[in-house]
Amino acid sequence: MTSRPSKNPWIKYLKPNPKAQLRLFCFPYAGGSAGVFRSWPDSLPPTVEVCAVELPRRGTRIKDAPFTRMEPLVEAIALALLPELDPLLSSVIAWAHW
């Protein structure tokens, strides 16, 4: 599996893990940022790589314009995640706090 710090502003690799077999994409609660997941890599098995999603107007993207409708936001997230999907991984999981 390839694991690298992402230049994608949507994805934060909190602890890049080249040995991971599973990539866990984490979506923060409303108003939260990718930083809420910073301790997760230390609490999960070494086979898991935590990738936190950073939404516009949150955390490191505080200056980015917000989305005002859900459909364009979901489309933008999907496009941002596509290059981060690795065909060599055995699993990809999305976790969200709704």
Protein backbone atom coordinates (compact mmCIF):
# COMPACT_ATOMS: atom_id res chain seq x y z
CA MET A 1 0.00 0.00 0.00
CA THR A 2 1.17 3.50 -0.68
CA SER A 3 0.88 6.02 2.09
CA ARG A 4 1.97 9.60 1.79
CA PRO A 5 1.12 12.97 3.19
CA SER A 6 -1.66 14.27 1.00
CA LYS A 7 -1.50 17.53 -0.90
CA ASN A 8 -5.27 17.23 -1.03
CA PRO A 9 -6.66 19.94 1.31
CA TRP A 10 -9.67 17.73 2.08
CA ILE A 11 -7.65 14.86 3.58
CA LYS A 12 -5.31 14.90 6.58
CA TYR A 13 -3.14 11.81 7.01
CA LEU A 14 -2.70 12.09 10.76
CA LYS A 15 0.01 9.44 10.94
CA PRO A 16 0.97 8.11 7.49
CA ASN A 17 1.15 4.35 7.68
CA PRO A 18 2.76 2.42 4.79
CA LYS A 19 1.87 -0.90 6.49
CA ALA A 20 -1.84 -0.19 6.67
CA GLN A 21 -4.31 -2.63 5.17
CA LEU A 22 -7.31 -0.45 5.87
CA ARG A 23 -7.81 3.27 5.32
CA LEU A 24 -10.33 4.86 7.69
CA PHE A 25 -11.81 8.14 6.42
CA CYS A 26 -13.19 10.11 9.36
CA PHE A 27 -15.73 12.92 9.05
CA PRO A 28 -15.97 15.30 12.04
CA TYR A 29 -19.14 16.39 13.76
CA ALA A 30 -20.85 19.63 12.67
CA GLY A 31 -18.51 22.50 13.41
CA GLY A 32 -15.58 20.15 14.10
CA SER A 33 -12.30 19.82 12.25
CA ALA A 34 -9.96 17.01 11.26
CA GLY A 35 -8.03 17.69 14.45
CA VAL A 36 -10.62 15.88 16.57
CA PHE A 37 -9.18 12.62 15.23
CA ARG A 38 -5.51 13.39 16.01
CA SER A 39 -5.27 10.77 18.77
CA TRP A 40 -7.02 8.00 16.85
CA PRO A 41 -3.94 6.54 15.09
CA ASP A 42 -2.38 5.71 18.46
CA SER A 43 -5.53 3.89 19.59
CA LEU A 44 -6.01 1.69 16.53
CA PRO A 45 -4.13 -1.36 15.25
CA PRO A 46 -1.08 -0.72 13.03
CA THR A 47 -3.03 -2.10 10.08
CA VAL A 48 -5.30 0.99 10.09
CA GLU A 49 -4.45 4.39 8.61
CA VAL A 50 -6.61 7.29 9.82
CA CYS A 51 -7.46 9.91 7.20
CA ALA A 52 -9.43 12.82 8.59
CA VAL A 53 -11.61 14.87 6.27
CA GLU A 54 -11.15 18.64 6.64
CA LEU A 55 -14.24 20.53 5.48
CA PRO A 56 -14.19 24.13 4.24
CA ARG A 57 -14.40 26.77 7.01
CA ARG A 58 -12.91 24.32 9.51
CA GLY A 59 -9.40 23.84 10.92
CA THR A 60 -6.68 24.43 8.34
CA ARG A 61 -9.31 25.40 5.74
CA ILE A 62 -10.90 28.18 7.80
CA LYS A 63 -10.47 30.70 4.96
CA ASP A 64 -12.12 28.50 2.33
CA ALA A 65 -15.62 29.38 1.21
CA PRO A 66 -18.34 27.27 2.86
CA PHE A 67 -20.83 25.15 0.97
CA THR A 68 -24.43 26.27 1.36
CA ARG A 69 -26.02 23.13 -0.10
CA MET A 70 -25.43 19.49 0.75
CA GLU A 71 -25.39 18.05 -2.78
CA PRO A 72 -22.41 20.11 -4.03
CA LEU A 73 -20.55 19.37 -0.78
CA VAL A 74 -21.07 15.61 -1.16
CA GLU A 75 -19.93 15.77 -4.79
CA ALA A 76 -16.79 17.72 -3.81
CA ILE A 77 -15.97 15.24 -1.05
CA ALA A 78 -16.43 12.29 -3.42
CA LEU A 79 -14.08 13.87 -5.97
CA ALA A 80 -11.54 14.61 -3.23
CA LEU A 81 -11.63 11.04 -1.91
CA LEU A 82 -11.22 9.30 -5.27
CA PRO A 83 -7.46 9.94 -5.62
CA GLU A 84 -6.94 8.78 -2.03
CA LEU A 85 -8.45 5.34 -2.65
CA ASP A 86 -5.74 2.73 -3.03
CA PRO A 87 -6.55 -0.45 -4.98
CA LEU A 88 -3.92 -2.33 -2.94
CA LEU A 89 -5.84 -1.83 0.30
CA SER A 90 -8.00 -4.64 1.51
CA SER A 91 -10.58 -2.23 2.97
CA VAL A 92 -11.71 1.37 3.05
CA ILE A 93 -14.15 2.55 5.72
CA ALA A 94 -15.90 5.88 6.20
CA TRP A 95 -16.82 6.91 9.74
CA ALA A 96 -18.97 9.93 10.46
CA HIS A 97 -20.47 11.57 13.49
CA TRP A 98 -23.92 12.76 12.44
